[in-house]
């Protein structure tokens, strides 16, 4: 595809009326080269995705991992969260979560969240922006609408400290949650089911999350933050 486009522009310049006596001028050759280079850069310029990796602890024991990537291209941003944790109480729970958010011009346009417990789907939630409102789905039958535009979600909280933000949209609960400032770089979220989460930041990035429920407490600790380079391929 890219080769065809480049050949098209070369032929266009060769056949243009700017050629004198059938001889290709130096300036035209330079212009063709510049266009070819620009096309190559446009289609194959590496893009950067930032990866955050967290270890999940219950007490001193590591019980799982959380990996998050944020891939920004032009006006869009895609967040991917994947986590797995194994918790043994009276029963054994193998919890896998997949979460994808898509933003365009800093506005959430769609998201999908799926959580499996012991290989069975426990939660399945999604939302999509229609242009005037969000259509939110919980499971297969529970559908509701939200007209308030969403700019900041739980996924964003890992990358951007909410210094001047008072509320965050929870993809899991599908509603806005008040952000309470506890101190310097520390914030508390209290969820509708009574669970709590405290986020602590270092240099604008979430370094630790303490999650409290009525049956277990877990801690997320940042292991590393690095950039991934992806080549955009043309099909």
Protein backbone atom coordinates (compact mmCIF):
# COMPACT_ATOMS: atom_id res chain seq x y z
CA UNK A 1 0.00 0.00 0.00
CA UNK A 2 2.70 2.48 0.99
CA UNK A 3 4.81 1.54 -2.05
CA UNK A 4 1.89 2.25 -4.38
CA UNK A 5 1.35 5.68 -2.81
CA UNK A 6 5.02 6.62 -3.15
CA UNK A 7 5.14 5.46 -6.79
CA UNK A 8 2.01 7.51 -7.48
CA UNK A 9 3.64 10.71 -6.24
CA UNK A 10 6.86 9.99 -8.14
CA UNK A 11 4.95 9.51 -11.41
CA UNK A 12 2.93 12.64 -10.74
CA UNK A 13 6.05 14.74 -10.39
CA UNK A 14 7.76 13.16 -13.40
CA UNK A 15 4.76 13.94 -15.59
CA UNK A 16 4.23 17.44 -14.20
CA UNK A 17 4.68 20.50 -16.37
CA UNK A 18 7.53 21.60 -14.16
CA UNK A 19 9.90 19.33 -16.10
CA UNK A 20 11.77 21.10 -18.85
CA UNK A 21 12.72 19.30 -22.07
CA UNK A 22 12.16 15.91 -20.50
CA UNK A 23 14.85 16.44 -17.87
CA UNK A 24 14.03 16.03 -14.19
CA UNK A 25 15.31 19.04 -12.29
CA UNK A 26 17.27 18.72 -9.08
CA UNK A 27 14.55 20.56 -7.14
CA UNK A 28 11.90 18.09 -8.28
CA UNK A 29 14.02 15.13 -7.25
CA UNK A 30 14.47 16.70 -3.82
CA UNK A 31 10.74 17.31 -3.49
CA UNK A 32 9.93 13.69 -4.42
CA UNK A 33 12.46 12.47 -1.85
CA UNK A 34 10.94 14.68 0.83
CA UNK A 35 7.42 13.43 0.11
CA UNK A 36 8.60 9.81 0.20
CA UNK A 37 10.36 10.38 3.50
CA UNK A 38 7.28 12.07 4.97
CA UNK A 39 5.07 9.16 3.93
CA UNK A 40 7.45 6.64 5.46
CA UNK A 41 7.55 8.58 8.71
CA UNK A 42 3.76 8.94 8.73
CA UNK A 43 3.14 5.23 8.35
CA UNK A 44 6.10 3.75 10.22
CA UNK A 45 6.99 6.29 12.93
CA UNK A 46 7.43 4.44 16.23
CA UNK A 47 4.85 5.28 18.88
CA UNK A 48 5.43 5.12 22.60
CA UNK A 49 3.28 3.17 25.05
CA UNK A 50 3.99 3.54 28.74
CA UNK A 51 3.92 0.31 30.76
CA UNK A 52 3.30 0.18 34.51
CA UNK A 53 3.82 -3.10 36.35
CA UNK A 54 2.56 -3.67 39.90
CA UNK A 55 3.02 -6.57 42.30
CA UNK A 56 -0.04 -7.46 44.37
CA UNK A 57 0.57 -8.33 48.02
CA UNK A 58 -1.53 -9.78 50.78
CA UNK A 59 0.58 -9.16 53.84
CA UNK A 60 4.14 -10.09 52.87
CA UNK A 61 3.09 -12.60 50.22
CA UNK A 62 2.96 -11.69 46.52
CA UNK A 63 -0.32 -13.05 45.17
CA UNK A 64 -0.40 -11.57 41.68
CA UNK A 65 0.50 -8.95 39.10
CA UNK A 66 -1.16 -5.94 37.47
CA UNK A 67 0.09 -4.69 34.09
CA UNK A 68 -1.17 -1.44 32.59
CA UNK A 69 -0.28 0.17 29.27
CA UNK A 70 -1.21 3.60 27.96
CA UNK A 71 -0.76 4.03 24.22
CA UNK A 72 -1.18 7.59 22.91
CA UNK A 73 -1.48 8.40 19.20
CA UNK A 74 -2.46 11.87 18.02
CA UNK A 75 -5.77 12.70 19.78
CA UNK A 76 -6.49 9.19 21.06
CA UNK A 77 -5.32 7.17 24.04
CA UNK A 78 -5.91 3.50 24.82
CA UNK A 79 -5.52 2.05 28.31
CA UNK A 80 -5.16 -1.72 28.77
CA UNK A 81 -5.21 -3.30 32.23
CA UNK A 82 -4.59 -6.97 32.88
CA UNK A 83 -4.34 -8.47 36.33
CA UNK A 84 -4.27 -11.87 37.98
CA UNK A 85 -4.38 -12.60 41.70
CA UNK A 86 -4.79 -15.79 43.67
CA UNK A 87 -6.33 -15.55 47.14
CA UNK A 88 -6.89 -18.46 49.48
CA UNK A 89 -9.22 -18.06 52.44
CA UNK A 90 -11.67 -20.84 53.20
CA UNK A 91 -11.79 -21.29 49.42
CA UNK A 92 -9.30 -20.61 46.64
CA UNK A 93 -10.00 -17.70 44.27
CA UNK A 94 -8.17 -17.20 40.97
CA UNK A 95 -9.17 -13.69 39.85
CA UNK A 96 -8.41 -12.47 36.30
CA UNK A 97 -9.39 -9.01 35.11
CA UNK A 98 -9.20 -7.45 31.63
CA UNK A 99 -9.98 -3.77 31.22
CA UNK A 100 -9.77 -1.54 28.11
CA UNK A 101 -10.50 2.20 27.91
CA UNK A 102 -10.48 4.30 24.75
CA UNK A 103 -10.24 8.10 24.88
CA UNK A 104 -10.51 10.63 22.06
CA UNK A 105 -9.55 14.23 22.72
CA UNK A 106 -9.42 13.47 26.47
CA UNK A 107 -12.99 12.12 26.49
CA UNK A 108 -13.85 8.50 27.22
CA UNK A 109 -15.59 7.09 24.15
CA UNK A 110 -15.78 3.43 25.14
CA UNK A 111 -14.61 0.90 27.68
CA UNK A 112 -14.93 -2.78 28.43
CA UNK A 113 -14.25 -4.62 31.69
CA UNK A 114 -14.38 -8.38 32.20
CA UNK A 115 -13.56 -10.15 35.45
CA UNK A 116 -13.30 -13.90 35.84
CA UNK A 117 -13.18 -15.83 39.11
CA UNK A 118 -11.97 -19.42 38.81
CA UNK A 119 -12.37 -19.19 35.01
CA UNK A 120 -16.02 -18.14 35.20
CA UNK A 121 -17.17 -14.64 34.20
CA UNK A 122 -18.14 -12.78 37.36
CA UNK A 123 -18.45 -9.24 36.01
CA UNK A 124 -18.88 -7.91 32.48
CA UNK A 125 -19.36 -4.18 32.02
CA UNK A 126 -19.06 -1.73 29.16
CA UNK A 127 -19.98 1.74 27.94
CA UNK A 128 -19.95 3.61 24.64
CA UNK A 129 -20.42 7.30 23.80
CA UNK A 130 -23.17 8.02 21.25
CA UNK A 131 -22.40 11.70 20.77
CA UNK A 132 -24.81 12.91 23.44
CA UNK A 133 -24.70 10.26 26.16
CA UNK A 134 -23.13 7.01 27.31
CA UNK A 135 -24.93 3.71 26.95
CA UNK A 136 -23.74 1.64 29.91
CA UNK A 137 -24.22 -2.07 30.14
CA UNK A 138 -23.82 -4.31 33.18
CA UNK A 139 -23.98 -7.94 32.15
CA UNK A 140 -26.40 -8.63 29.33
CA UNK A 141 -29.66 -7.01 30.39
CA UNK A 142 -28.96 -4.11 32.75
CA UNK A 143 -28.59 -1.01 30.56
CA UNK A 144 -28.61 2.61 31.66
CA UNK A 145 -27.60 6.02 30.31
CA UNK A 146 -25.16 8.65 31.57
CA UNK A 147 -25.11 12.14 30.05
CA UNK A 148 -22.17 13.54 31.98
CA UNK A 149 -18.97 13.44 29.90
CA UNK A 150 -16.23 11.30 31.42
CA UNK A 151 -12.66 12.60 31.34
CA UNK A 152 -11.03 10.88 34.30
CA UNK A 153 -11.38 7.20 35.25
CA UNK A 154 -9.76 4.70 37.59
CA UNK A 155 -7.43 3.72 34.74
CA UNK A 156 -6.23 7.34 34.51
CA UNK A 157 -5.43 7.38 38.21
CA UNK A 158 -2.42 5.13 37.71
CA UNK A 159 -0.79 7.62 35.33
CA UNK A 160 -2.03 11.01 36.50
CA UNK A 161 -2.20 12.24 40.08
CA UNK A 162 -5.59 13.93 40.71
CA UNK A 163 -4.14 17.13 42.14
CA UNK A 164 -7.06 19.32 41.05
CA UNK A 165 -9.67 16.65 40.35
CA UNK A 166 -12.53 16.07 42.78
CA UNK A 167 -14.13 12.94 41.36
CA UNK A 168 -13.29 9.91 39.25
CA UNK A 169 -15.45 7.57 37.22
CA UNK A 170 -15.32 3.97 38.37
CA UNK A 171 -15.56 1.55 35.45
CA UNK A 172 -16.45 -1.28 37.83
CA UNK A 173 -19.28 0.51 39.66
CA UNK A 174 -20.21 2.63 36.62
CA UNK A 175 -20.58 5.82 38.62
CA UNK A 176 -18.57 8.83 39.79
CA UNK A 177 -16.66 8.50 43.07
CA UNK A 178 -15.55 11.45 45.23
CA UNK A 179 -11.76 11.79 45.61
CA UNK A 180 -10.74 12.68 49.15
CA UNK A 181 -7.30 14.18 49.73
CA UNK A 182 -5.58 12.58 52.74
CA UNK A 183 -2.30 14.47 52.55
CA UNK A 184 0.59 15.14 50.23
CA UNK A 185 0.24 12.87 47.17
CA UNK A 186 -2.27 10.60 48.92
CA UNK A 187 -5.97 10.16 48.05
CA UNK A 188 -8.88 8.04 49.28
CA UNK A 189 -11.75 6.50 47.31
CA UNK A 190 -14.78 5.07 49.12
CA UNK A 191 -16.87 2.81 46.93
CA UNK A 192 -20.64 2.10 47.12
CA UNK A 193 -20.13 -1.43 48.49
CA UNK A 194 -18.04 -0.18 51.43
CA UNK A 195 -14.63 -1.00 49.93
CA UNK A 196 -11.88 1.60 50.15
CA UNK A 197 -8.72 2.32 48.17
CA UNK A 198 -5.87 4.67 49.04
CA UNK A 199 -3.65 5.89 46.18
CA UNK A 200 -0.13 7.21 46.84
CA UNK A 201 1.87 9.01 44.15
CA UNK A 202 5.52 9.59 43.34
CA UNK A 203 6.41 12.09 40.59
CA UNK A 204 2.83 12.09 39.32
CA UNK A 205 2.57 8.30 38.89
CA UNK A 206 0.73 5.96 41.25
CA UNK A 207 3.35 4.16 43.34
CA UNK A 208 1.05 2.27 45.69
CA UNK A 209 -2.60 1.33 46.17
CA UNK A 210 -3.98 -0.02 49.45
CA UNK A 211 -7.30 -1.75 48.82
CA UNK A 212 -9.54 -2.65 51.77
CA UNK A 213 -12.60 -4.87 51.66
CA UNK A 214 -14.61 -6.52 54.43
CA UNK A 215 -12.82 -9.82 53.81
CA UNK A 216 -9.29 -9.04 52.62
CA UNK A 217 -6.73 -6.24 52.30
CA UNK A 218 -4.31 -6.13 49.38
CA UNK A 219 -1.51 -3.79 48.37
CA UNK A 220 -0.39 -2.86 44.86
CA UNK A 221 3.28 -1.81 44.63
CA UNK A 222 4.82 -0.31 41.51
CA UNK A 223 7.65 -2.48 40.20
CA UNK A 224 8.64 -0.53 37.11
CA UNK A 225 7.61 2.12 34.62
CA UNK A 226 9.03 2.01 31.11
CA UNK A 227 8.31 2.99 27.54
CA UNK A 228 7.43 0.47 24.86
CA UNK A 229 8.04 1.31 21.21
CA UNK A 230 5.56 -0.02 18.69
CA UNK A 231 5.85 0.28 14.92
CA UNK A 232 2.62 1.19 13.18
CA UNK A 233 2.30 -1.19 10.24
CA UNK A 234 0.33 -0.59 7.09
CA UNK A 235 -2.12 -3.22 5.87
